[in-house]
Protein backbone atom coordinates (compact mmCIF):
# COMPACT_ATOMS: atom_id res chain seq x y z
CA UNK A 1 0.00 0.00 0.00
CA UNK A 2 2.73 2.48 0.87
CA UNK A 3 4.37 1.82 -2.48
CA UNK A 4 1.18 2.87 -4.29
CA UNK A 5 1.03 6.16 -2.43
CA UNK A 6 4.68 6.78 -3.13
CA UNK A 7 4.20 6.09 -6.83
CA UNK A 8 1.15 8.36 -6.97
CA UNK A 9 3.04 11.10 -5.21
CA UNK A 10 5.96 10.76 -7.62
CA UNK A 11 3.61 10.68 -10.60
CA UNK A 12 1.83 13.77 -9.31
CA UNK A 13 5.15 15.52 -8.74
CA UNK A 14 6.30 14.63 -12.25
CA UNK A 15 3.08 15.98 -13.77
CA UNK A 16 3.34 19.21 -11.79
CA UNK A 17 6.97 19.63 -12.84
CA UNK A 18 6.09 19.14 -16.50
CA UNK A 19 3.15 21.53 -16.29
CA UNK A 20 5.23 24.09 -14.46
CA UNK A 21 8.00 23.92 -17.05
CA UNK A 22 5.49 24.30 -19.86
CA UNK A 23 3.92 27.31 -18.22
CA UNK A 24 7.20 29.08 -17.64
CA UNK A 25 8.31 28.38 -21.20
CA UNK A 26 5.13 29.99 -22.53
CA UNK A 27 5.15 32.88 -20.06
CA UNK A 28 8.29 34.96 -20.02
CA UNK A 29 8.40 38.69 -20.38
CA UNK A 30 5.69 40.53 -22.31
CA UNK A 31 6.45 41.60 -25.89
CA UNK A 32 6.86 45.19 -24.72
CA UNK A 33 10.07 44.11 -22.96
CA UNK A 34 11.75 42.77 -26.09
CA UNK A 35 10.39 45.73 -28.07
CA UNK A 36 11.98 48.12 -25.58
CA UNK A 37 15.28 46.24 -25.78
CA UNK A 38 15.21 46.43 -29.58
CA UNK A 39 14.47 50.14 -29.47
CA UNK A 40 17.28 50.74 -26.97
CA UNK A 41 19.68 48.85 -29.21
CA UNK A 42 18.63 50.88 -32.25
CA UNK A 43 19.07 54.12 -30.30
CA UNK A 44 22.53 53.01 -29.18
CA UNK A 45 23.43 52.29 -32.82
CA UNK A 46 22.15 55.75 -33.75
CA UNK A 47 24.22 57.41 -31.04
CA UNK A 48 27.34 55.60 -32.26
CA UNK A 49 27.14 57.06 -35.78
CA UNK A 50 29.76 59.68 -36.59
CA UNK A 51 28.13 62.59 -38.40
CA UNK A 52 31.25 63.02 -40.57
CA UNK A 53 31.43 61.80 -44.18
CA UNK A 54 28.24 59.92 -44.99
CA UNK A 55 27.04 60.11 -41.41
CA UNK A 56 23.79 61.89 -42.22
CA UNK A 57 22.79 59.13 -44.64
CA UNK A 58 23.58 56.54 -41.96
CA UNK A 59 21.48 58.50 -39.48
CA UNK A 60 18.56 58.53 -41.91
CA UNK A 61 18.84 54.77 -42.41
CA UNK A 62 19.03 54.14 -38.67
CA UNK A 63 16.07 56.44 -38.08
CA UNK A 64 13.99 54.17 -40.32
CA UNK A 65 14.99 51.17 -38.19
CA UNK A 66 13.95 53.13 -35.10
CA UNK A 67 10.59 53.98 -36.67
CA UNK A 68 10.04 50.27 -37.32
CA UNK A 69 10.99 49.36 -33.72
CA UNK A 70 8.72 52.11 -32.44
CA UNK A 71 5.77 50.88 -34.49
CA UNK A 72 6.20 47.37 -33.09
CA UNK A 73 6.40 48.79 -29.58
CA UNK A 74 3.27 50.88 -30.13
CA UNK A 75 1.41 47.81 -31.39
CA UNK A 76 2.40 45.73 -28.36
CA UNK A 77 2.28 48.35 -25.61
CA UNK A 78 -1.33 49.45 -26.22
CA UNK A 79 -2.52 52.03 -23.70
CA UNK A 80 -0.30 51.09 -20.78
CA UNK A 81 2.72 53.02 -22.05
CA UNK A 82 0.97 55.35 -24.50
CA UNK A 83 2.42 58.56 -23.04
CA UNK A 84 5.98 57.20 -23.22
CA UNK A 85 5.44 55.92 -26.76
CA UNK A 86 3.97 59.30 -27.78
CA UNK A 87 7.01 61.11 -26.34
CA UNK A 88 9.33 58.82 -28.30
CA UNK A 89 7.28 59.34 -31.46
CA UNK A 90 7.53 63.13 -30.99
CA UNK A 91 11.30 62.83 -30.48
CA UNK A 92 11.63 60.66 -33.61
CA UNK A 93 9.62 63.21 -35.62
CA UNK A 94 11.78 66.07 -34.32
CA UNK A 95 14.94 64.16 -35.23
CA UNK A 96 13.53 63.42 -38.67
CA UNK A 97 12.86 67.12 -39.24
CA UNK A 98 16.28 68.25 -38.02
CA UNK A 99 17.95 65.52 -40.06
CA UNK A 100 16.11 66.63 -43.19
CA UNK A 101 17.24 70.20 -42.54
CA UNK A 102 20.84 69.07 -42.00
CA UNK A 103 20.86 67.07 -45.23
CA UNK A 104 19.46 69.94 -47.29
CA UNK A 105 21.49 72.69 -45.59
CA UNK A 106 24.44 71.27 -43.66
CA UNK A 107 25.73 73.80 -41.15
CA UNK A 108 26.89 73.97 -37.56
CA UNK A 109 23.38 74.97 -36.50
CA UNK A 110 21.59 72.13 -38.30
CA UNK A 111 24.13 69.54 -37.13
CA UNK A 112 23.80 70.81 -33.56
CA UNK A 113 20.03 70.41 -33.84
CA UNK A 114 20.51 66.81 -34.99
CA UNK A 115 22.84 66.11 -32.07
CA UNK A 116 20.39 67.64 -29.60
CA UNK A 117 17.48 65.66 -31.05
CA UNK A 118 19.47 62.41 -30.83
CA UNK A 119 20.06 63.14 -27.13
CA UNK A 120 16.37 63.97 -26.59
CA UNK A 121 15.36 60.71 -28.27
CA UNK A 122 17.75 58.80 -26.02
CA UNK A 123 16.20 60.47 -22.97
CA UNK A 124 12.68 59.55 -24.11
CA UNK A 125 13.67 55.93 -24.54
CA UNK A 126 15.34 55.94 -21.11
CA UNK A 127 12.05 57.15 -19.59
CA UNK A 128 10.26 54.29 -21.31
CA UNK A 129 12.84 51.91 -19.88
CA UNK A 130 12.11 53.24 -16.40
CA UNK A 131 8.37 52.84 -16.97
CA UNK A 132 8.59 49.23 -18.15
CA UNK A 133 11.15 48.14 -15.55
CA UNK A 134 8.40 46.86 -13.25
CA UNK A 135 6.90 44.79 -16.06
CA UNK A 136 10.15 43.43 -17.46
C-alpha atoms as a PDB file:
ATOM      1  CA  UNK A   1       0.000   0.000   0.000  1.00  0.00           C
ATOM      2  CA  UNK A   2       2.726   2.482   0.874  1.00  0.00           C
ATOM      3  CA  UNK A   3       4.371   1.824  -2.485  1.00  0.00           C
ATOM      4  CA  UNK A   4       1.182   2.869  -4.294  1.00  0.00           C
ATOM      5  CA  UNK A   5       1.027   6.163  -2.426  1.00  0.00           C
ATOM      6  CA  UNK A   6       4.675   6.780  -3.133  1.00  0.00           C
ATOM      7  CA  UNK A   7       4.196   6.091  -6.828  1.00  0.00           C
ATOM      8  CA  UNK A   8       1.145   8.358  -6.965  1.00  0.00           C
ATOM      9  CA  UNK A   9       3.038  11.103  -5.208  1.00  0.00           C
ATOM     10  CA  UNK A  10       5.963  10.760  -7.617  1.00  0.00           C
ATOM     11  CA  UNK A  11       3.609  10.678 -10.602  1.00  0.00           C
ATOM     12  CA  UNK A  12       1.826  13.771  -9.312  1.00  0.00           C
ATOM     13  CA  UNK A  13       5.145  15.524  -8.741  1.00  0.00           C
ATOM     14  CA  UNK A  14       6.300  14.632 -12.250  1.00  0.00           C
ATOM     15  CA  UNK A  15       3.084  15.980 -13.773  1.00  0.00           C
ATOM     16  CA  UNK A  16       3.335  19.206 -11.789  1.00  0.00           C
ATOM     17  CA  UNK A  17       6.969  19.626 -12.839  1.00  0.00           C
ATOM     18  CA  UNK A  18       6.093  19.137 -16.505  1.00  0.00           C
ATOM     19  CA  UNK A  19       3.148  21.527 -16.295  1.00  0.00           C
ATOM     20  CA  UNK A  20       5.232  24.095 -14.461  1.00  0.00           C
ATOM     21  CA  UNK A  21       8.004  23.915 -17.049  1.00  0.00           C
ATOM     22  CA  UNK A  22       5.492  24.303 -19.861  1.00  0.00           C
ATOM     23  CA  UNK A  23       3.917  27.314 -18.219  1.00  0.00           C
ATOM     24  CA  UNK A  24       7.200  29.082 -17.642  1.00  0.00           C
ATOM     25  CA  UNK A  25       8.306  28.381 -21.200  1.00  0.00           C
ATOM     26  CA  UNK A  26       5.126  29.992 -22.532  1.00  0.00           C
ATOM     27  CA  UNK A  27       5.152  32.882 -20.057  1.00  0.00           C
ATOM     28  CA  UNK A  28       8.289  34.959 -20.024  1.00  0.00           C
ATOM     29  CA  UNK A  29       8.399  38.693 -20.385  1.00  0.00           C
ATOM     30  CA  UNK A  30       5.694  40.532 -22.308  1.00  0.00           C
ATOM     31  CA  UNK A  31       6.450  41.597 -25.888  1.00  0.00           C
ATOM     32  CA  UNK A  32       6.859  45.187 -24.719  1.00  0.00           C
ATOM     33  CA  UNK A  33      10.070  44.108 -22.958  1.00  0.00           C
ATOM     34  CA  UNK A  34      11.747  42.767 -26.089  1.00  0.00           C
ATOM     35  CA  UNK A  35      10.394  45.732 -28.069  1.00  0.00           C
ATOM     36  CA  UNK A  36      11.981  48.121 -25.577  1.00  0.00           C
ATOM     37  CA  UNK A  37      15.278  46.238 -25.781  1.00  0.00           C
ATOM     38  CA  UNK A  38      15.211  46.431 -29.585  1.00  0.00           C
ATOM     39  CA  UNK A  39      14.473  50.140 -29.471  1.00  0.00           C
ATOM     40  CA  UNK A  40      17.283  50.740 -26.966  1.00  0.00           C
ATOM     41  CA  UNK A  41      19.680  48.849 -29.213  1.00  0.00           C
ATOM     42  CA  UNK A  42      18.631  50.881 -32.252  1.00  0.00           C
ATOM     43  CA  UNK A  43      19.067  54.117 -30.295  1.00  0.00           C
ATOM     44  CA  UNK A  44      22.534  53.007 -29.184  1.00  0.00           C
ATOM     45  CA  UNK A  45      23.429  52.288 -32.818  1.00  0.00           C
ATOM     46  CA  UNK A  46      22.147  55.749 -33.753  1.00  0.00           C
ATOM     47  CA  UNK A  47      24.219  57.407 -31.042  1.00  0.00           C
ATOM     48  CA  UNK A  48      27.343  55.599 -32.265  1.00  0.00           C
ATOM     49  CA  UNK A  49      27.135  57.061 -35.779  1.00  0.00           C
ATOM     50  CA  UNK A  50      29.759  59.677 -36.591  1.00  0.00           C
ATOM     51  CA  UNK A  51      28.129  62.589 -38.401  1.00  0.00           C
ATOM     52  CA  UNK A  52      31.253  63.018 -40.574  1.00  0.00           C
ATOM     53  CA  UNK A  53      31.431  61.798 -44.176  1.00  0.00           C
ATOM     54  CA  UNK A  54      28.236  59.925 -44.989  1.00  0.00           C
ATOM     55  CA  UNK A  55      27.035  60.114 -41.410  1.00  0.00           C
ATOM     56  CA  UNK A  56      23.790  61.888 -42.218  1.00  0.00           C
ATOM     57  CA  UNK A  57      22.793  59.128 -44.644  1.00  0.00           C
ATOM     58  CA  UNK A  58      23.578  56.538 -41.965  1.00  0.00           C
ATOM     59  CA  UNK A  59      21.478  58.503 -39.479  1.00  0.00           C
ATOM     60  CA  UNK A  60      18.556  58.526 -41.909  1.00  0.00           C
ATOM     61  CA  UNK A  61      18.839  54.772 -42.414  1.00  0.00           C
ATOM     62  CA  UNK A  62      19.035  54.136 -38.672  1.00  0.00           C
ATOM     63  CA  UNK A  63      16.071  56.438 -38.083  1.00  0.00           C
ATOM     64  CA  UNK A  64      13.988  54.167 -40.324  1.00  0.00           C
ATOM     65  CA  UNK A  65      14.990  51.167 -38.188  1.00  0.00           C
ATOM     66  CA  UNK A  66      13.952  53.128 -35.102  1.00  0.00           C
ATOM     67  CA  UNK A  67      10.594  53.976 -36.669  1.00  0.00           C
ATOM     68  CA  UNK A  68      10.040  50.269 -37.318  1.00  0.00           C
ATOM     69  CA  UNK A  69      10.986  49.357 -33.724  1.00  0.00           C
ATOM     70  CA  UNK A  70       8.719  52.112 -32.445  1.00  0.00           C
ATOM     71  CA  UNK A  71       5.765  50.879 -34.493  1.00  0.00           C
ATOM     72  CA  UNK A  72       6.200  47.372 -33.092  1.00  0.00           C
ATOM     73  CA  UNK A  73       6.397  48.791 -29.575  1.00  0.00           C
ATOM     74  CA  UNK A  74       3.269  50.884 -30.132  1.00  0.00           C
ATOM     75  CA  UNK A  75       1.407  47.807 -31.391  1.00  0.00           C
ATOM     76  CA  UNK A  76       2.402  45.725 -28.364  1.00  0.00           C
ATOM     77  CA  UNK A  77       2.276  48.350 -25.613  1.00  0.00           C
ATOM     78  CA  UNK A  78      -1.330  49.448 -26.218  1.00  0.00           C
ATOM     79  CA  UNK A  79      -2.524  52.034 -23.695  1.00  0.00           C
ATOM     80  CA  UNK A  80      -0.298  51.091 -20.779  1.00  0.00           C
ATOM     81  CA  UNK A  81       2.720  53.023 -22.053  1.00  0.00           C
ATOM     82  CA  UNK A  82       0.967  55.347 -24.496  1.00  0.00           C
ATOM     83  CA  UNK A  83       2.417  58.556 -23.042  1.00  0.00           C
ATOM     84  CA  UNK A  84       5.982  57.199 -23.218  1.00  0.00           C
ATOM     85  CA  UNK A  85       5.435  55.923 -26.762  1.00  0.00           C
ATOM     86  CA  UNK A  86       3.969  59.305 -27.783  1.00  0.00           C
ATOM     87  CA  UNK A  87       7.006  61.109 -26.342  1.00  0.00           C
ATOM     88  CA  UNK A  88       9.327  58.823 -28.301  1.00  0.00           C
ATOM     89  CA  UNK A  89       7.279  59.338 -31.462  1.00  0.00           C
ATOM     90  CA  UNK A  90       7.533  63.131 -30.992  1.00  0.00           C
ATOM     91  CA  UNK A  91      11.302  62.828 -30.481  1.00  0.00           C
ATOM     92  CA  UNK A  92      11.625  60.663 -33.608  1.00  0.00           C
ATOM     93  CA  UNK A  93       9.622  63.209 -35.615  1.00  0.00           C
ATOM     94  CA  UNK A  94      11.780  66.067 -34.321  1.00  0.00           C
ATOM     95  CA  UNK A  95      14.938  64.163 -35.229  1.00  0.00           C
ATOM     96  CA  UNK A  96      13.530  63.422 -38.673  1.00  0.00           C
ATOM     97  CA  UNK A  97      12.860  67.125 -39.239  1.00  0.00           C
ATOM     98  CA  UNK A  98      16.279  68.246 -38.018  1.00  0.00           C
ATOM     99  CA  UNK A  99      17.947  65.521 -40.061  1.00  0.00           C
ATOM    100  CA  UNK A 100      16.107  66.632 -43.194  1.00  0.00           C
ATOM    101  CA  UNK A 101      17.243  70.204 -42.545  1.00  0.00           C
ATOM    102  CA  UNK A 102      20.842  69.074 -42.000  1.00  0.00           C
ATOM    103  CA  UNK A 103      20.856  67.073 -45.227  1.00  0.00           C
ATOM    104  CA  UNK A 104      19.458  69.940 -47.290  1.00  0.00           C
ATOM    105  CA  UNK A 105      21.491  72.689 -45.594  1.00  0.00           C
ATOM    106  CA  UNK A 106      24.435  71.275 -43.656  1.00  0.00           C
ATOM    107  CA  UNK A 107      25.729  73.804 -41.147  1.00  0.00           C
ATOM    108  CA  UNK A 108      26.893  73.966 -37.565  1.00  0.00           C
ATOM    109  CA  UNK A 109      23.378  74.975 -36.502  1.00  0.00           C
ATOM    110  CA  UNK A 110      21.586  72.133 -38.303  1.00  0.00           C
ATOM    111  CA  UNK A 111      24.125  69.540 -37.135  1.00  0.00           C
ATOM    112  CA  UNK A 112      23.797  70.807 -33.562  1.00  0.00           C
ATOM    113  CA  UNK A 113      20.027  70.413 -33.841  1.00  0.00           C
ATOM    114  CA  UNK A 114      20.512  66.808 -34.993  1.00  0.00           C
ATOM    115  CA  UNK A 115      22.843  66.110 -32.075  1.00  0.00           C
ATOM    116  CA  UNK A 116      20.389  67.644 -29.605  1.00  0.00           C
ATOM    117  CA  UNK A 117      17.476  65.659 -31.046  1.00  0.00           C
ATOM    118  CA  UNK A 118      19.470  62.414 -30.833  1.00  0.00           C
ATOM    119  CA  UNK A 119      20.057  63.142 -27.132  1.00  0.00           C
ATOM    120  CA  UNK A 120      16.372  63.966 -26.592  1.00  0.00           C
ATOM    121  CA  UNK A 121      15.363  60.709 -28.265  1.00  0.00           C
ATOM    122  CA  UNK A 122      17.751  58.799 -26.017  1.00  0.00           C
ATOM    123  CA  UNK A 123      16.199  60.466 -22.969  1.00  0.00           C
ATOM    124  CA  UNK A 124      12.682  59.553 -24.111  1.00  0.00           C
ATOM    125  CA  UNK A 125      13.669  55.926 -24.541  1.00  0.00           C
ATOM    126  CA  UNK A 126      15.336  55.940 -21.107  1.00  0.00           C
ATOM    127  CA  UNK A 127      12.048  57.154 -19.588  1.00  0.00           C
ATOM    128  CA  UNK A 128      10.256  54.287 -21.314  1.00  0.00           C
ATOM    129  CA  UNK A 129      12.835  51.909 -19.881  1.00  0.00           C
ATOM    130  CA  UNK A 130      12.114  53.243 -16.396  1.00  0.00           C
ATOM    131  CA  UNK A 131       8.373  52.839 -16.970  1.00  0.00           C
ATOM    132  CA  UNK A 132       8.593  49.229 -18.148  1.00  0.00           C
ATOM    133  CA  UNK A 133      11.147  48.140 -15.551  1.00  0.00           C
ATOM    134  CA  UNK A 134       8.402  46.856 -13.252  1.00  0.00           C
ATOM    135  CA  UNK A 135       6.900  44.787 -16.063  1.00  0.00           C
ATOM    136  CA  UNK A 136      10.147  43.428 -17.457  1.00  0.00           C
END
